[in-house]
Protein backbone atom coordinates (compact mmCIF):
# COMPACT_ATOMS: atom_id res chain seq x y z
CA MET A 1 37.43 51.16 -35.71
CA ASN A 2 38.91 47.64 -35.57
CA ARG A 3 36.35 45.09 -34.35
CA ALA A 4 38.08 42.41 -32.25
CA VAL A 5 36.80 39.02 -31.11
CA PHE A 6 38.57 36.85 -28.55
CA LEU A 7 38.36 33.06 -28.79
CA VAL A 8 39.51 31.48 -25.53
CA ASP A 9 40.48 27.81 -25.25
CA GLY A 10 39.21 27.32 -21.71
CA PHE A 11 40.98 24.11 -20.74
CA ASN A 12 44.27 25.15 -22.30
CA LEU A 13 44.03 28.32 -20.22
CA TYR A 14 42.92 26.41 -17.11
CA HIS A 15 45.89 24.01 -17.13
CA SER A 16 48.15 27.01 -17.60
CA VAL A 17 46.56 28.65 -14.56
CA VAL A 18 47.28 25.49 -12.54
CA ASP A 19 50.93 25.64 -13.65
CA ALA A 20 51.16 29.30 -12.67
CA GLN A 21 49.69 28.50 -9.27
CA GLU A 22 52.24 25.74 -8.64
CA ASP A 23 55.08 28.05 -9.73
CA ASN A 24 53.85 30.87 -7.52
CA GLY A 25 53.96 29.18 -4.14
CA GLY A 26 50.46 27.74 -4.36
CA ILE A 27 48.69 31.12 -4.59
CA CYS A 28 45.41 30.32 -6.34
CA VAL A 29 44.64 32.29 -9.51
CA LYS A 30 41.60 30.30 -10.69
CA TRP A 31 39.25 33.23 -9.94
CA LEU A 32 40.43 34.69 -13.26
CA ASP A 33 38.71 37.73 -14.75
CA VAL A 34 38.88 36.66 -18.40
CA HIS A 35 37.19 39.84 -19.65
CA ARG A 36 39.73 42.12 -18.01
CA LEU A 37 42.57 39.82 -19.08
CA CYS A 38 41.49 40.17 -22.72
CA LEU A 39 41.11 43.93 -22.44
CA SER A 40 44.71 44.17 -21.25
CA PHE A 41 45.85 43.31 -24.81
CA PHE A 42 43.94 46.12 -26.52
CA ASP A 43 46.89 48.52 -26.64
CA LYS A 44 49.16 45.88 -28.19
CA VAL A 45 46.60 44.92 -30.82
CA GLY A 46 45.76 48.56 -31.55
CA ALA A 47 49.42 49.43 -32.11
CA ILE A 48 49.71 46.71 -34.77
CA VAL A 49 46.43 47.37 -36.62
CA ARG A 50 46.98 51.13 -36.24
CA ASP A 51 43.41 51.75 -35.23
CA GLN A 52 41.22 51.98 -32.17
CA VAL A 53 40.10 48.53 -31.06
CA LYS A 54 36.51 47.72 -30.14
CA MET A 55 35.64 44.58 -28.21
CA GLU A 56 32.93 42.79 -30.16
CA CYS A 57 32.75 39.64 -28.06
CA ILE A 58 34.66 37.09 -26.01
CA HIS A 59 33.87 33.45 -26.77
CA TYR A 60 35.01 30.99 -24.11
CA PHE A 61 35.17 27.29 -25.04
CA SER A 62 35.17 24.62 -22.36
CA ALA A 63 33.55 21.26 -21.56
CA SER A 64 31.33 20.00 -18.76
CA PRO A 65 33.46 17.74 -16.50
CA GLY A 66 30.71 15.23 -15.81
CA HIS A 67 33.25 12.54 -14.92
CA CYS A 68 34.81 14.60 -12.10
CA PRO A 69 33.84 14.68 -8.39
CA PRO A 70 30.73 16.71 -7.46
CA ASP A 71 32.70 19.58 -5.91
CA THR A 72 34.76 19.99 -9.09
CA ARG A 73 31.64 19.96 -11.26
CA SER A 74 30.02 22.49 -8.96
CA ARG A 75 32.95 24.93 -9.10
CA HIS A 76 33.20 24.59 -12.88
CA GLY A 77 29.50 25.31 -13.30
CA PHE A 78 29.71 28.26 -10.91
CA TYR A 79 32.67 29.74 -12.79
CA MET A 80 30.85 29.36 -16.12
CA ARG A 81 27.96 31.27 -14.56
CA CYS A 82 30.36 34.05 -13.53
CA LEU A 83 31.82 34.23 -17.03
CA ARG A 84 28.35 34.48 -18.56
CA GLY A 85 27.40 37.03 -15.92
CA SER A 86 30.30 39.23 -17.02
CA GLY A 87 29.18 39.20 -20.67
CA ILE A 88 31.27 36.31 -22.01
CA ARG A 89 29.66 33.80 -24.36
CA VAL A 90 30.37 30.29 -23.08
CA HIS A 91 30.37 27.27 -25.39
CA LEU A 92 30.45 23.87 -23.69
CA GLY A 93 31.57 20.62 -25.28
CA SER A 94 31.89 17.31 -23.48
CA PHE A 95 34.30 14.65 -22.28
CA LYS A 96 34.25 11.20 -23.85
CA GLY A 97 35.39 8.04 -22.12
CA LYS A 98 38.12 5.99 -23.80
CA VAL A 99 39.54 2.65 -22.70
CA VAL A 100 43.33 2.69 -22.88
CA LYS A 101 45.49 -0.43 -22.68
CA CYS A 102 48.96 -0.24 -21.15
CA ARG A 103 51.63 -1.36 -23.62
CA HIS A 104 53.67 -2.97 -20.85
CA CYS A 105 51.14 -4.86 -18.72
CA ASN A 106 48.06 -4.89 -21.01
CA ARG A 107 46.00 -3.51 -18.14
CA GLU A 108 43.01 -1.44 -19.31
CA SER A 109 41.93 1.82 -17.73
CA LEU A 110 39.28 4.42 -18.51
CA HIS A 111 40.48 7.87 -19.56
CA HIS A 112 38.39 10.90 -20.43
CA GLU A 113 39.24 13.21 -23.30
CA GLU A 114 37.82 16.63 -24.03
CA LYS A 115 35.98 16.66 -27.34
CA GLU A 116 34.58 19.31 -29.70
CA THR A 117 36.49 22.33 -28.37
CA ASP A 118 39.04 22.69 -31.18
CA VAL A 119 36.38 22.16 -33.86
CA ALA A 120 34.06 24.63 -32.12
CA ILE A 121 36.77 27.31 -32.03
CA ALA A 122 37.63 26.77 -35.70
CA ALA A 123 33.94 26.82 -36.69
CA LYS A 124 33.37 30.09 -34.85
CA LEU A 125 36.48 31.57 -36.47
CA PHE A 126 35.16 30.89 -39.98
CA GLU A 127 31.57 31.75 -39.12
CA LEU A 128 32.56 35.24 -38.04
CA CYS A 129 35.00 35.73 -40.91
CA HIS A 130 32.34 34.73 -43.44
CA SER A 131 29.80 37.10 -41.88
CA GLY A 132 32.22 40.03 -42.13
CA ALA A 133 31.52 40.83 -38.46
CA VAL A 134 35.15 41.02 -37.34
CA ASP A 135 38.42 42.71 -38.25
CA SER A 136 40.74 40.96 -35.75
CA PHE A 137 40.76 37.67 -33.91
CA VAL A 138 42.73 37.00 -30.76
CA LEU A 139 43.14 33.29 -30.03
CA VAL A 140 44.00 32.53 -26.40
CA THR A 141 45.54 29.09 -26.74
CA GLY A 142 48.73 27.17 -27.33
CA ASP A 143 47.03 24.21 -28.99
CA THR A 144 48.70 23.08 -32.21
CA ASP A 145 45.42 21.57 -33.47
CA LEU A 146 44.27 25.08 -34.41
CA VAL A 147 47.17 25.70 -36.80
CA PRO A 148 45.26 24.49 -39.95
CA ALA A 149 42.34 26.80 -39.10
CA VAL A 150 44.64 29.80 -38.68
CA LYS A 151 46.51 29.05 -41.93
CA THR A 152 43.28 28.70 -43.89
CA CYS A 153 41.80 31.84 -42.35
CA ARG A 154 44.87 33.84 -43.38
CA THR A 155 44.50 32.52 -46.96
CA LEU A 156 40.75 33.00 -47.40
CA PHE A 157 40.40 36.24 -45.44
CA PRO A 158 43.69 38.11 -45.90
CA LYS A 159 42.30 41.39 -44.53
CA VAL A 160 41.45 39.83 -41.15
CA TYR A 161 44.15 40.03 -38.48
CA VAL A 162 44.84 36.92 -36.40
CA PHE A 163 46.73 37.23 -33.11
CA CYS A 164 47.68 34.52 -30.63
CA VAL A 165 48.00 34.87 -26.88
CA PHE A 166 49.86 31.92 -25.41
CA PRO A 167 48.84 30.95 -21.88
CA TYR A 168 51.62 30.66 -19.31
CA HIS A 169 54.06 27.81 -20.16
CA ARG A 170 52.32 27.19 -23.50
CA VAL A 171 54.10 28.34 -26.64
CA ASN A 172 53.48 27.08 -30.17
CA ASP A 173 55.95 28.01 -32.90
CA ASP A 174 53.54 27.08 -35.72
CA LEU A 175 50.76 29.28 -34.33
CA ARG A 176 53.29 32.06 -33.88
CA ARG A 177 54.45 31.71 -37.48
CA PHE A 178 50.99 31.84 -39.03
CA SER A 179 49.56 34.66 -36.90
CA HIS A 180 50.22 38.37 -37.37
CA ARG A 181 51.70 38.59 -33.88
CA ALA A 182 51.88 36.39 -30.80
CA PHE A 183 52.04 37.37 -27.13
CA LYS A 184 52.72 35.44 -23.92
CA LEU A 185 50.78 35.42 -20.67
CA THR A 186 52.78 35.48 -17.44
CA ARG A 187 51.99 34.63 -13.84
CA ASP A 188 51.59 38.35 -13.17
CA ASN A 189 48.89 38.55 -15.85
CA TYR A 190 46.89 36.03 -13.85
CA LEU A 191 47.60 37.62 -10.47
CA THR A 192 46.57 41.12 -11.57
CA ASN A 193 43.40 40.04 -13.38
CA GLN A 194 41.37 38.35 -10.65
CA TYR A 195 37.68 38.94 -10.01
CA PRO A 196 36.84 40.83 -6.81
CA SER A 197 35.03 38.90 -4.10
CA PRO A 198 32.16 39.51 -3.86
CA LEU A 199 31.60 39.88 -7.59
CA ARG A 200 28.59 41.72 -9.00
CA LEU A 201 27.21 40.03 -12.11
CA ARG A 202 25.46 42.00 -14.82
CA ASP A 203 22.04 41.06 -13.44
CA GLY A 204 23.00 42.57 -10.08
CA THR A 205 23.60 39.24 -8.32
CA MET A 206 26.49 39.24 -5.85
CA VAL A 207 28.61 36.07 -5.69
CA ASN A 208 31.70 35.12 -3.69
CA ARG A 209 34.84 33.32 -4.75
CA PRO A 210 34.73 29.58 -3.91
CA THR A 211 36.53 29.00 -0.62
CA ALA A 212 38.76 26.39 -2.31
CA TRP A 213 40.13 29.23 -4.43
CA ASP A 214 40.86 31.58 -1.54
CA PRO A 215 44.46 32.78 -1.43
CA PRO A 216 46.54 31.55 1.54
CA PRO A 217 46.69 33.90 4.52
CA SER A 218 49.65 36.22 4.66
CA PRO A 219 52.35 35.43 7.23
CA ALA A 220 51.29 38.50 9.23
CA THR A 221 47.80 37.10 9.76
CA GLN A 222 48.82 33.55 10.66
CA THR A 223 48.80 32.63 14.33
CA THR A 224 51.50 30.56 15.98
């Protein structure tokens, strides 16, 4: 039995989801069932490791968007609750403000940068490798900052498989080169792995998709 752990770079995946939505006529795919999305790669991973794959855990790394408008913060918090309610372990970092000066006009403006996520993913990767609690990792990201962690993991723990799943429109040749195999997510992967609405969480609570994430009505249901 091959024990697999998924490490999901939440914001890298989120921005990919936004790209997929724009490229798919505005059909919202933010109500993403991350658990089912990860399970859809079991056959591919199993074929490479030549063993049955067991899902040990999904770790989802994100950050609290405290600088964003209240409705955005509310939807983010609600979605994190849904992820936790479906058995995913959520790890939240933070955004840090940074004053940036324009090179052309010297005007200063405040930007916010996500912090801690890459380090948190790398730390979890080595924590689990060191504990011997995993046989395969699947990194859902296209972030080049994780290349040193993958390279070092392959050197120190040669028996552990490392796979990469690149979110839509995010491909990294270095991550591809240092992983055992890399796969790509498509718009269809997002469309076919959406939570139902209402969604039943593990504690029995029923929740509905945020109305801002509702798909547009079909032409047949629109009135003239």
